[in-house]
Amino acid sequence: MNARTLTRLTFANPASAIYLTLVAGSLAVATAVTLFSADPGFVWVWPALFTLPFSTLVVMTGDAVWAAEGAPTWFLAGGLAVSALVQALALGALWQAVRGHRRGLPHPRGH
């Protein structure tokens, strides 16, 4: 698999594009609420939920490495980004598999 195929599967299909837009929107809202609100509350739960289950591994790794202090923000933010990209790639591969399977079907009129 080359870089062009990985890029196409990750970004250039409707499933991945919608998913990445949803994650980016939740990150933008969470960042804005954190910057402009006195109490952001649980707003960062949404980006984490949208990137489950892979983000769970990131949090567990952060807890294992930085047990006492807690994982730094750069690690968690980078982990959310990597989680979103890995899952966008998986969605793209699923999209291609479904579309490829549909293309192999005969035309309903028999032509």
PDB file of N, CA and C in Angstrom:
ATOM      1  N   MET A   1       0.852  -1.165   0.000  1.00  0.00           N
ATOM      2  CA  MET A   1       0.000   0.000   0.000  1.00  0.00           C
ATOM      3  C   MET A   1       0.903   1.235   0.000  1.00  0.00           C
ATOM      4  N   ASN A   2       0.698   2.114  -0.950  1.00  0.00           N
ATOM      5  CA  ASN A   2       1.543   3.308  -1.046  1.00  0.00           C
ATOM      6  C   ASN A   2       0.879   4.511  -0.377  1.00  0.00           C
ATOM      7  N   ALA A   3       1.600   5.609  -0.358  1.00  0.00           N
ATOM      8  CA  ALA A   3       1.117   6.817   0.329  1.00  0.00           C
ATOM      9  C   ALA A   3      -0.150   7.365  -0.330  1.00  0.00           C
ATOM     10  N   ARG A   4      -0.233   7.259  -1.636  1.00  0.00           N
ATOM     11  CA  ARG A   4      -1.419   7.767  -2.335  1.00  0.00           C
ATOM     12  C   ARG A   4      -2.668   6.985  -1.941  1.00  0.00           C
ATOM     13  N   THR A   5      -2.539   5.680  -1.836  1.00  0.00           N
ATOM     14  CA  THR A   5      -3.667   4.851  -1.427  1.00  0.00           C
ATOM     15  C   THR A   5      -4.074   5.154   0.005  1.00  0.00           C
ATOM     16  N   LEU A   6      -3.092   5.303   0.894  1.00  0.00           N
ATOM     17  CA  LEU A   6      -3.398   5.641   2.289  1.00  0.00           C
ATOM     18  C   LEU A   6      -4.100   6.991   2.385  1.00  0.00           C
ATOM     19  N   THR A   7      -3.631   7.966   1.623  1.00  0.00           N
ATOM     20  CA  THR A   7      -4.253   9.288   1.629  1.00  0.00           C
ATOM     21  C   THR A   7      -5.683   9.217   1.099  1.00  0.00           C
ATOM     22  N   ARG A   8      -5.878   8.467   0.026  1.00  0.00           N
ATOM     23  CA  ARG A   8      -7.211   8.342  -0.556  1.00  0.00           C
ATOM     24  C   ARG A   8      -8.159   7.647   0.422  1.00  0.00           C
ATOM     25  N   LEU A   9      -7.690   6.592   1.073  1.00  0.00           N
ATOM     26  CA  LEU A   9      -8.545   5.883   2.017  1.00  0.00           C
ATOM     27  C   LEU A   9      -8.851   6.724   3.258  1.00  0.00           C
ATOM     28  N   THR A  10      -7.893   7.550   3.680  1.00  0.00           N
ATOM     29  CA  THR A  10      -8.070   8.322   4.910  1.00  0.00           C
ATOM     30  C   THR A  10      -8.891   9.584   4.699  1.00  0.00           C
ATOM     31  N   PHE A  11      -8.737  10.254   3.563  1.00  0.00           N
ATOM     32  CA  PHE A  11      -9.358  11.569   3.380  1.00  0.00           C
ATOM     33  C   PHE A  11     -10.358  11.656   2.236  1.00  0.00           C
ATOM     34  N   ALA A  12     -10.188  10.896   1.180  1.00  0.00           N
ATOM     35  CA  ALA A  12     -10.920  11.145  -0.065  1.00  0.00           C
ATOM     36  C   ALA A  12     -12.084  10.184  -0.290  1.00  0.00           C
ATOM     37  N   ASN A  13     -12.898  10.007   0.707  1.00  0.00           N
ATOM     38  CA  ASN A  13     -14.134   9.258   0.531  1.00  0.00           C
ATOM     39  C   ASN A  13     -15.169   9.853   1.483  1.00  0.00           C
ATOM     40  N   PRO A  14     -16.442   9.690   1.180  1.00  0.00           N
ATOM     41  CA  PRO A  14     -17.465  10.356   1.996  1.00  0.00           C
ATOM     42  C   PRO A  14     -17.467   9.931   3.467  1.00  0.00           C
ATOM     43  N   ALA A  15     -17.266   8.667   3.756  1.00  0.00           N
ATOM     44  CA  ALA A  15     -17.319   8.195   5.146  1.00  0.00           C
ATOM     45  C   ALA A  15     -16.210   8.838   5.982  1.00  0.00           C
ATOM     46  N   SER A  16     -14.992   8.818   5.482  1.00  0.00           N
ATOM     47  CA  SER A  16     -13.871   9.404   6.216  1.00  0.00           C
ATOM     48  C   SER A  16     -13.999  10.916   6.320  1.00  0.00           C
ATOM     49  N   ALA A  17     -14.451  11.553   5.251  1.00  0.00           N
ATOM     50  CA  ALA A  17     -14.584  13.015   5.267  1.00  0.00           C
ATOM     51  C   ALA A  17     -15.619  13.468   6.293  1.00  0.00           C
ATOM     52  N   ILE A  18     -16.745  12.790   6.355  1.00  0.00           N
ATOM     53  CA  ILE A  18     -17.776  13.141   7.332  1.00  0.00           C
ATOM     54  C   ILE A  18     -17.262  12.894   8.742  1.00  0.00           C
ATOM     55  N   TYR A  19     -16.606  11.760   8.954  1.00  0.00           N
ATOM     56  CA  TYR A  19     -16.082  11.435  10.278  1.00  0.00           C
ATOM     57  C   TYR A  19     -15.035  12.464  10.718  1.00  0.00           C
ATOM     58  N   LEU A  20     -14.094  12.793   9.851  1.00  0.00           N
ATOM     59  CA  LEU A  20     -13.057  13.761  10.210  1.00  0.00           C
ATOM     60  C   LEU A  20     -13.648  15.154  10.444  1.00  0.00           C
ATOM     61  N   THR A  21     -14.675  15.524   9.704  1.00  0.00           N
ATOM     62  CA  THR A  21     -15.353  16.800   9.928  1.00  0.00           C
ATOM     63  C   THR A  21     -16.030  16.817  11.299  1.00  0.00           C
ATOM     64  N   LEU A  22     -16.653  15.723  11.665  1.00  0.00           N
ATOM     65  CA  LEU A  22     -17.293  15.614  12.975  1.00  0.00           C
ATOM     66  C   LEU A  22     -16.264  15.736  14.103  1.00  0.00           C
ATOM     67  N   VAL A  23     -15.147  15.037  13.975  1.00  0.00           N
ATOM     68  CA  VAL A  23     -14.102  15.098  15.000  1.00  0.00           C
ATOM     69  C   VAL A  23     -13.494  16.494  15.059  1.00  0.00           C
ATOM     70  N   ALA A  24     -13.190  17.082  13.909  1.00  0.00           N
ATOM     71  CA  ALA A  24     -12.602  18.430  13.890  1.00  0.00           C
ATOM     72  C   ALA A  24     -13.566  19.451  14.488  1.00  0.00           C
ATOM     73  N   GLY A  25     -14.840  19.315  14.197  1.00  0.00           N
ATOM     74  CA  GLY A  25     -15.833  20.223  14.779  1.00  0.00           C
ATOM     75  C   GLY A  25     -15.904  20.093  16.292  1.00  0.00           C
ATOM     76  N   SER A  26     -15.863  18.866  16.784  1.00  0.00           N
ATOM     77  CA  SER A  26     -15.913  18.678  18.237  1.00  0.00           C
ATOM     78  C   SER A  26     -14.641  19.205  18.900  1.00  0.00           C
ATOM     79  N   LEU A  27     -13.503  19.054  18.230  1.00  0.00           N
ATOM     80  CA  LEU A  27     -12.254  19.617  18.763  1.00  0.00           C
ATOM     81  C   LEU A  27     -12.292  21.145  18.771  1.00  0.00           C
ATOM     82  N   ALA A  28     -12.841  21.738  17.724  1.00  0.00           N
ATOM     83  CA  ALA A  28     -12.929  23.196  17.665  1.00  0.00           C
ATOM     84  C   ALA A  28     -13.846  23.738  18.757  1.00  0.00           C
ATOM     85  N   VAL A  29     -14.984  23.091  18.953  1.00  0.00           N
ATOM     86  CA  VAL A  29     -15.912  23.537  19.997  1.00  0.00           C
ATOM     87  C   VAL A  29     -15.284  23.365  21.376  1.00  0.00           C
ATOM     88  N   ALA A  30     -14.644  22.227  21.613  1.00  0.00           N
ATOM     89  CA  ALA A  30     -14.016  21.985  22.915  1.00  0.00           C
ATOM     90  C   ALA A  30     -12.897  22.989  23.183  1.00  0.00           C
ATOM     91  N   THR A  31     -12.118  23.302  22.162  1.00  0.00           N
ATOM     92  CA  THR A  31     -11.048  24.281  22.329  1.00  0.00           C
ATOM     93  C   THR A  31     -11.622  25.671  22.613  1.00  0.00           C
ATOM     94  N   ALA A  32     -12.654  26.070  21.873  1.00  0.00           N
ATOM     95  CA  ALA A  32     -13.266  27.386  22.084  1.00  0.00           C
ATOM     96  C   ALA A  32     -13.880  27.500  23.471  1.00  0.00           C
ATOM     97  N   VAL A  33     -14.568  26.459  23.907  1.00  0.00           N
ATOM     98  CA  VAL A  33     -15.173  26.490  25.240  1.00  0.00           C
ATOM     99  C   VAL A  33     -14.093  26.563  26.308  1.00  0.00           C
ATOM    100  N   THR A  34     -13.010  25.832  26.122  1.00  0.00           N
ATOM    101  CA  THR A  34     -11.915  25.853  27.093  1.00  0.00           C
ATOM    102  C   THR A  34     -11.261  27.229  27.150  1.00  0.00           C
ATOM    103  N   LEU A  35     -11.065  27.860  26.003  1.00  0.00           N
ATOM    104  CA  LEU A  35     -10.398  29.160  25.974  1.00  0.00           C
ATOM    105  C   LEU A  35     -11.279  30.298  26.486  1.00  0.00           C
ATOM    106  N   PHE A  36     -12.569  30.251  26.219  1.00  0.00           N
ATOM    107  CA  PHE A  36     -13.428  31.395  26.493  1.00  0.00           C
ATOM    108  C   PHE A  36     -14.427  31.177  27.626  1.00  0.00           C
ATOM    109  N   SER A  37     -14.310  30.088  28.346  1.00  0.00           N
ATOM    110  CA  SER A  37     -15.236  29.822  29.436  1.00  0.00           C
ATOM    111  C   SER A  37     -14.456  29.636  30.732  1.00  0.00           C
ATOM    112  N   ALA A  38     -15.053  30.073  31.821  1.00  0.00           N
ATOM    113  CA  ALA A  38     -14.404  29.902  33.116  1.00  0.00           C
ATOM    114  C   ALA A  38     -14.409  28.435  33.543  1.00  0.00           C
ATOM    115  N   ASP A  39     -15.452  27.704  33.173  1.00  0.00           N
ATOM    116  CA  ASP A  39     -15.564  26.295  33.542  1.00  0.00           C
ATOM    117  C   ASP A  39     -15.958  25.485  32.309  1.00  0.00           C
ATOM    118  N   PRO A  40     -14.997  24.836  31.639  1.00  0.00           N
ATOM    119  CA  PRO A  40     -15.328  24.086  30.429  1.00  0.00           C
ATOM    120  C   PRO A  40     -16.134  22.820  30.699  1.00  0.00           C
ATOM    121  N   GLY A  41     -16.143  22.349  31.928  1.00  0.00           N
ATOM    122  CA  GLY A  41     -16.926  21.159  32.256  1.00  0.00           C
ATOM    123  C   GLY A  41     -16.396  19.917  31.556  1.00  0.00           C
ATOM    124  N   PHE A  42     -17.303  19.156  31.001  1.00  0.00           N
ATOM    125  CA  PHE A  42     -16.943  17.888  30.367  1.00  0.00           C
ATOM    126  C   PHE A  42     -16.923  17.989  28.839  1.00  0.00           C
ATOM    127  N   VAL A  43     -16.604  19.150  28.324  1.00  0.00           N
ATOM    128  CA  VAL A  43     -16.670  19.356  26.876  1.00  0.00           C
ATOM    129  C   VAL A  43     -15.666  18.477  26.120  1.00  0.00           C
ATOM    130  N   TRP A  44     -14.568  18.100  26.752  1.00  0.00           N
ATOM    131  CA  TRP A  44     -13.564  17.264  26.078  1.00  0.00           C
ATOM    132  C   TRP A  44     -13.975  15.803  26.011  1.00  0.00           C
ATOM    133  N   VAL A  45     -15.106  15.470  26.599  1.00  0.00           N
ATOM    134  CA  VAL A  45     -15.598  14.098  26.496  1.00  0.00           C
ATOM    135  C   VAL A  45     -16.022  13.792  25.061  1.00  0.00           C
ATOM    136  N   TRP A  46     -16.593  14.791  24.367  1.00  0.00           N
ATOM    137  CA  TRP A  46     -17.095  14.552  23.006  1.00  0.00           C
ATOM    138  C   TRP A  46     -16.000  14.159  22.019  1.00  0.00           C
ATOM    139  N   PRO A  47     -14.876  14.886  21.933  1.00  0.00           N
ATOM    140  CA  PRO A  47     -13.827  14.409  21.025  1.00  0.00           C
ATOM    141  C   PRO A  47     -13.316  13.019  21.401  1.00  0.00           C
ATOM    142  N   ALA A  48     -13.244  12.748  22.700  1.00  0.00           N
ATOM    143  CA  ALA A  48     -12.797  11.414  23.128  1.00  0.00           C
ATOM    144  C   ALA A  48     -13.803  10.340  22.724  1.00  0.00           C
ATOM    145  N   LEU A  49     -15.091  10.636  22.862  1.00  0.00           N
ATOM    146  CA  LEU A  49     -16.111   9.663  22.466  1.00  0.00           C
ATOM    147  C   LEU A  49     -16.104   9.415  20.958  1.00  0.00           C
ATOM    148  N   PHE A  50     -15.890  10.478  20.177  1.00  0.00           N
ATOM    149  CA  PHE A  50     -15.877  10.312  18.720  1.00  0.00           C
ATOM    150  C   PHE A  50     -14.670   9.515  18.237  1.00  0.00           C
ATOM    151  N   THR A  51     -13.616   9.441  19.044  1.00  0.00           N
ATOM    152  CA  THR A  51     -12.418   8.707  18.625  1.00  0.00           C
ATOM    153  C   THR A  51     -12.261   7.371  19.338  1.00  0.00           C
ATOM    154  N   LEU A  52     -13.283   6.953  20.079  1.00  0.00           N
ATOM    155  CA  LEU A  52     -13.249   5.621  20.686  1.00  0.00           C
ATOM    156  C   LEU A  52     -13.268   4.568  19.600  1.00  0.00           C
ATOM    157  N   PRO A  53     -12.704   3.429  19.761  1.00  0.00           N
ATOM    158  CA  PRO A  53     -12.026   2.853  20.902  1.00  0.00           C
ATOM    159  C   PRO A  53     -10.519   3.134  20.937  1.00  0.00           C
ATOM    160  N   PHE A  54      -9.975   3.671  19.845  1.00  0.00           N
ATOM    161  CA  PHE A  54      -8.522   3.846  19.783  1.00  0.00           C
ATOM    162  C   PHE A  54      -8.018   4.857  20.802  1.00  0.00           C
ATOM    163  N   SER A  55      -8.816   5.868  21.110  1.00  0.00           N
ATOM    164  CA  SER A  55      -8.372   6.868  22.077  1.00  0.00           C
ATOM    165  C   SER A  55      -8.217   6.274  23.482  1.00  0.00           C
ATOM    166  N   THR A  56      -8.914   5.188  23.757  1.00  0.00           N
ATOM    167  CA  THR A  56      -8.752   4.513  25.043  1.00  0.00           C
ATOM    168  C   THR A  56      -7.318   4.018  25.208  1.00  0.00           C
ATOM    169  N   LEU A  57      -6.746   3.499  24.131  1.00  0.00           N
ATOM    170  CA  LEU A  57      -5.349   3.047  24.191  1.00  0.00           C
ATOM    171  C   LEU A  57      -4.404   4.210  24.458  1.00  0.00           C
ATOM    172  N   VAL A  58      -4.708   5.364  23.891  1.00  0.00           N
ATOM    173  CA  VAL A  58      -3.877   6.550  24.112  1.00  0.00           C
ATOM    174  C   VAL A  58      -3.928   6.964  25.583  1.00  0.00           C
ATOM    175  N   VAL A  59      -5.116   7.000  26.144  1.00  0.00           N
ATOM    176  CA  VAL A  59      -5.264   7.386  27.548  1.00  0.00           C
ATOM    177  C   VAL A  59      -4.578   6.366  28.457  1.00  0.00           C
ATOM    178  N   MET A  60      -4.735   5.088  28.167  1.00  0.00           N
ATOM    179  CA  MET A  60      -4.088   4.059  28.984  1.00  0.00           C
ATOM    180  C   MET A  60      -2.567   4.147  28.882  1.00  0.00           C
ATOM    181  N   THR A  61      -2.056   4.438  27.698  1.00  0.00           N
ATOM    182  CA  THR A  61      -0.612   4.610  27.534  1.00  0.00           C
ATOM    183  C   THR A  61      -0.125   5.828  28.307  1.00  0.00           C
ATOM    184  N   GLY A  62      -0.861   6.920  28.234  1.00  0.00           N
ATOM    185  CA  GLY A  62      -0.507   8.121  28.990  1.00  0.00           C
ATOM    186  C   GLY A  62      -0.499   7.872  30.484  1.00  0.00           C
ATOM    187  N   ASP A  63      -1.483   7.122  30.970  1.00  0.00           N
ATOM    188  CA  ASP A  63      -1.525   6.801  32.396  1.00  0.00           C
ATOM    189  C   ASP A  63      -0.371   5.898  32.806  1.00  0.00           C
ATOM    190  N   ALA A  64       0.027   4.985  31.923  1.00  0.00           N
ATOM    191  CA  ALA A  64       1.129   4.082  32.248  1.00  0.00           C
ATOM    192  C   ALA A  64       2.468   4.814  32.260  1.00  0.00           C
ATOM    193  N   VAL A  65       2.662   5.744  31.340  1.00  0.00           N
ATOM    194  CA  VAL A  65       3.943   6.440  31.239  1.00  0.00           C
ATOM    195  C   VAL A  65       4.053   7.560  32.278  1.00  0.00           C
ATOM    196  N   TRP A  66       2.998   8.348  32.411  1.00  0.00           N
ATOM    197  CA  TRP A  66       3.004   9.487  33.338  1.00  0.00           C
ATOM    198  C   TRP A  66       2.018   9.228  34.475  1.00  0.00           C
ATOM    199  N   ALA A  67       2.233   8.188  35.231  1.00  0.00           N
ATOM    200  CA  ALA A  67       1.261   7.738  36.240  1.00  0.00           C
ATOM    201  C   ALA A  67       0.942   8.814  37.278  1.00  0.00           C
ATOM    202  N   ALA A  68       1.936   9.372  37.904  1.00  0.00           N
ATOM    203  CA  ALA A  68       1.697  10.296  39.020  1.00  0.00           C
ATOM    204  C   ALA A  68       1.205  11.654  38.544  1.00  0.00           C
ATOM    205  N   GLU A  69       1.843  12.211  37.518  1.00  0.00           N
ATOM    206  CA  GLU A  69       1.512  13.571  37.063  1.00  0.00           C
ATOM    207  C   GLU A  69       0.324  13.608  36.131  1.00  0.00           C
ATOM    208  N   GLY A  70       0.028  12.521  35.471  1.00  0.00           N
ATOM    209  CA  GLY A  70      -0.992  12.527  34.426  1.00  0.00           C
ATOM    210  C   GLY A  70      -0.347  12.875  33.089  1.00  0.00           C
ATOM    211  N   ALA A  71      -0.954  12.417  32.024  1.00  0.00           N
ATOM    212  CA  ALA A  71      -0.400  12.630  30.687  1.00  0.00           C
ATOM    213  C   ALA A  71      -0.445  14.112  30.327  1.00  0.00           C
ATOM    214  N   PRO A  72       0.598  14.618  29.643  1.00  0.00           N
ATOM    215  CA  PRO A  72       0.581  16.025  29.233  1.00  0.00           C
ATOM    216  C   PRO A  72      -0.453  16.273  28.131  1.00  0.00           C
ATOM    217  N   THR A  73      -0.845  17.516  28.017  1.00  0.00           N
ATOM    218  CA  THR A  73      -1.872  17.894  27.049  1.00  0.00           C
ATOM    219  C   THR A  73      -1.444  17.581  25.622  1.00  0.00           C
ATOM    220  N   TRP A  74      -0.180  17.823  25.285  1.00  0.00           N
ATOM    221  CA  TRP A  74       0.290  17.562  23.925  1.00  0.00           C
ATOM    222  C   TRP A  74       0.143  16.083  23.574  1.00  0.00           C
ATOM    223  N   PHE A  75       0.360  15.203  24.548  1.00  0.00           N
ATOM    224  CA  PHE A  75       0.234  13.772  24.290  1.00  0.00           C
ATOM    225  C   PHE A  75      -1.221  13.390  24.030  1.00  0.00           C
ATOM    226  N   LEU A  76      -2.121  13.901  24.854  1.00  0.00           N
ATOM    227  CA  LEU A  76      -3.536  13.576  24.680  1.00  0.00           C
ATOM    228  C   LEU A  76      -4.105  14.176  23.394  1.00  0.00           C
ATOM    229  N   ALA A  77      -3.721  15.412  23.075  1.00  0.00           N
ATOM    230  CA  ALA A  77      -4.200  16.038  21.830  1.00  0.00           C
ATOM    231  C   ALA A  77      -3.661  15.298  20.610  1.00  0.00           C
ATOM    232  N   GLY A  78      -2.381  14.964  20.645  1.00  0.00           N
ATOM    233  CA  GLY A  78      -1.802  14.181  19.548  1.00  0.00           C
ATOM    234  C   GLY A  78      -2.438  12.811  19.436  1.00  0.00           C
ATOM    235  N   GLY A  79      -2.745  12.225  20.584  1.00  0.00           N
ATOM    236  CA  GLY A  79      -3.406  10.920  20.580  1.00  0.00           C
ATOM    237  C   GLY A  79      -4.793  10.971  19.978  1.00  0.00           C
ATOM    238  N   LEU A  80      -5.533  12.052  20.262  1.00  0.00           N
ATOM    239  CA  LEU A  80      -6.848  12.211  19.640  1.00  0.00           C
ATOM    240  C   LEU A  80      -6.725  12.349  18.126  1.00  0.00           C
ATOM    241  N   ALA A  81      -5.725  13.104  17.680  1.00  0.00           N
ATOM    242  CA  ALA A  81      -5.522  13.283  16.236  1.00  0.00           C
ATOM    243  C   ALA A  81      -5.152  11.963  15.564  1.00  0.00           C
ATOM    244  N   VAL A  82      -4.240  11.224  16.173  1.00  0.00           N
ATOM    245  CA  VAL A  82      -3.828   9.927  15.605  1.00  0.00           C
ATOM    246  C   VAL A  82      -5.006   8.959  15.628  1.00  0.00           C
ATOM    247  N   SER A  83      -5.772   8.971  16.712  1.00  0.00           N
ATOM    248  CA  SER A  83      -6.954   8.104  16.804  1.00  0.00           C
ATOM    249  C   SER A  83      -7.939   8.402  15.676  1.00  0.00           C
ATOM    250  N   ALA A  84      -8.189   9.671  15.440  1.00  0.00           N
ATOM    251  CA  ALA A  84      -9.117  10.060  14.374  1.00  0.00           C
ATOM    252  C   ALA A  84      -8.602   9.615  13.008  1.00  0.00           C
ATOM    253  N   LEU A  85      -7.305   9.775  12.764  1.00  0.00           N
ATOM    254  CA  LEU A  85      -6.751   9.380  11.465  1.00  0.00           C
ATOM    255  C   LEU A  85      -6.779   7.866  11.266  1.00  0.00           C
ATOM    256  N   VAL A  86      -6.467   7.110  12.305  1.00  0.00           N
ATOM    257  CA  VAL A  86      -6.510   5.645  12.197  1.00  0.00           C
ATOM    258  C   VAL A  86      -7.936   5.188  11.913  1.00  0.00           C
ATOM    259  N   GLN A  87      -8.889   5.768  12.606  1.00  0.00           N
ATOM    260  CA  GLN A  87     -10.270   5.362  12.392  1.00  0.00           C
ATOM    261  C   GLN A  87     -10.818   5.856  11.060  1.00  0.00           C
ATOM    262  N   ALA A  88     -10.344   7.000  10.578  1.00  0.00           N
ATOM    263  CA  ALA A  88     -10.734   7.456   9.240  1.00  0.00           C
ATOM    264  C   ALA A  88     -10.192   6.499   8.181  1.00  0.00           C
ATOM    265  N   LEU A  89      -8.975   6.004   8.385  1.00  0.00           N
ATOM    266  CA  LEU A  89      -8.398   5.015   7.474  1.00  0.00           C
ATOM    267  C   LEU A  89      -9.235   3.735   7.474  1.00  0.00           C
ATOM    268  N   ALA A  90      -9.643   3.292   8.664  1.00  0.00           N
ATOM    269  CA  ALA A  90     -10.481   2.089   8.755  1.00  0.00           C
ATOM    270  C   ALA A  90     -11.824   2.305   8.072  1.00  0.00           C
ATOM    271  N   LEU A  91     -12.423   3.475   8.264  1.00  0.00           N
ATOM    272  CA  LEU A  91     -13.684   3.780   7.578  1.00  0.00           C
ATOM    273  C   LEU A  91     -13.498   3.814   6.061  1.00  0.00           C
ATOM    274  N   GLY A  92     -12.380   4.382   5.616  1.00  0.00           N
ATOM    275  CA  GLY A  92     -12.104   4.421   4.186  1.00  0.00           C
ATOM    276  C   GLY A  92     -11.926   3.032   3.600  1.00  0.00           C
ATOM    277  N   ALA A  93     -11.248   2.163   4.323  1.00  0.00           N
ATOM    278  CA  ALA A  93     -11.071   0.783   3.852  1.00  0.00           C
ATOM    279  C   ALA A  93     -12.412   0.058   3.806  1.00  0.00           C
ATOM    280  N   LEU A  94     -13.241   0.283   4.809  1.00  0.00           N
ATOM    281  CA  LEU A  94     -14.575  -0.309   4.814  1.00  0.00           C
ATOM    282  C   LEU A  94     -15.407   0.237   3.659  1.00  0.00           C
ATOM    283  N   TRP A  95     -15.330   1.549   3.421  1.00  0.00           N
ATOM    284  CA  TRP A  95     -16.058   2.178   2.318  1.00  0.00           C
ATOM    285  C   TRP A  95     -15.625   1.568   0.978  1.00  0.00           C
ATOM    286  N   GLN A  96     -14.320   1.398   0.804  1.00  0.00           N
ATOM    287  CA  GLN A  96     -13.815   0.829  -0.440  1.00  0.00           C
ATOM    288  C   GLN A  96     -14.268  -0.622  -0.596  1.00  0.00           C
ATOM    289  N   ALA A  97     -14.263  -1.376   0.495  1.00  0.00           N
ATOM    290  CA  ALA A  97     -14.685  -2.771   0.417  1.00  0.00           C
ATOM    291  C   ALA A  97     -16.166  -2.872   0.041  1.00  0.00           C
ATOM    292  N   VAL A  98     -16.985  -2.025   0.631  1.00  0.00           N
ATOM    293  CA  VAL A  98     -18.414  -2.051   0.326  1.00  0.00           C
ATOM    294  C   VAL A  98     -18.657  -1.588  -1.103  1.00  0.00           C
ATOM    295  N   ARG A  99     -18.014  -0.505  -1.512  1.00  0.00           N
ATOM    296  CA  ARG A  99     -18.186   0.002  -2.872  1.00  0.00           C
ATOM    297  C   ARG A  99     -17.618  -0.973  -3.907  1.00  0.00           C
ATOM    298  N   GLY A 100     -16.498  -1.589  -3.608  1.00  0.00           N
ATOM    299  CA  GLY A 100     -15.916  -2.561  -4.525  1.00  0.00           C
ATOM    300  C   GLY A 100     -16.809  -3.764  -4.691  1.00  0.00           C
ATOM    301  N   HIS A 101     -17.443  -4.185  -3.602  1.00  0.00           N
ATOM    302  CA  HIS A 101     -18.357  -5.314  -3.664  1.00  0.00           C
ATOM    303  C   HIS A 101     -19.580  -4.960  -4.492  1.00  0.00           C
ATOM    304  N   ARG A 102     -20.082  -3.738  -4.333  1.00  0.00           N
ATOM    305  CA  ARG A 102     -21.255  -3.313  -5.097  1.00  0.00           C
ATOM    306  C   ARG A 102     -20.935  -3.197  -6.583  1.00  0.00           C
ATOM    307  N   ARG A 103     -19.723  -2.799  -6.932  1.00  0.00           N
ATOM    308  CA  ARG A 103     -19.357  -2.653  -8.345  1.00  0.00           C
ATOM    309  C   ARG A 103     -19.278  -3.997  -9.045  1.00  0.00           C
ATOM    310  N   GLY A 104     -19.032  -5.057  -8.289  1.00  0.00           N
ATOM    311  CA  GLY A 104     -18.926  -6.377  -8.891  1.00  0.00           C
ATOM    312  C   GLY A 104     -20.259  -7.032  -9.186  1.00  0.00           C
ATOM    313  N   LEU A 105     -21.356  -6.459  -8.714  1.00  0.00           N
ATOM    314  CA  LEU A 105     -22.670  -7.038  -8.937  1.00  0.00           C
ATOM    315  C   LEU A 105     -23.135  -6.788 -10.380  1.00  0.00           C
ATOM    316  N   PRO A 106     -23.847  -7.726 -10.966  1.00  0.00           N
ATOM    317  CA  PRO A 106     -24.375  -7.490 -12.317  1.00  0.00           C
ATOM    318  C   PRO A 106     -25.453  -6.410 -12.304  1.00  0.00           C
ATOM    319  N   HIS A 107     -25.623  -5.772 -13.432  1.00  0.00           N
ATOM    320  CA  HIS A 107     -26.647  -4.730 -13.568  1.00  0.00           C
ATOM    321  C   HIS A 107     -28.026  -5.389 -13.454  1.00  0.00           C
ATOM    322  N   PRO A 108     -29.004  -4.753 -12.779  1.00  0.00           N
ATOM    323  CA  PRO A 108     -30.316  -5.370 -12.569  1.00  0.00           C
ATOM    324  C   PRO A 108     -31.058  -5.688 -13.861  1.00  0.00           C
ATOM    325  N   ARG A 109     -30.807  -4.956 -14.940  1.00  0.00           N
ATOM    326  CA  ARG A 109     -31.511  -5.216 -16.203  1.00  0.00           C
ATOM    327  C   ARG A 109     -30.818  -6.277 -17.019  1.00  0.00           C
ATOM    328  N   GLY A 110     -29.714  -6.791 -16.528  1.00  0.00           N
ATOM    329  CA  GLY A 110     -29.037  -7.875 -17.216  1.00  0.00           C
ATOM    330  C   GLY A 110     -28.106  -7.447 -18.332  1.00  0.00           C
ATOM    331  N   HIS A 111     -27.770  -6.176 -18.436  1.00  0.00           N
ATOM    332  CA  HIS A 111     -26.873  -5.713 -19.502  1.00  0.00           C
ATOM    333  C   HIS A 111     -25.455  -5.837 -19.089  1.00  0.00           C
TER     334      HIS A 111
END
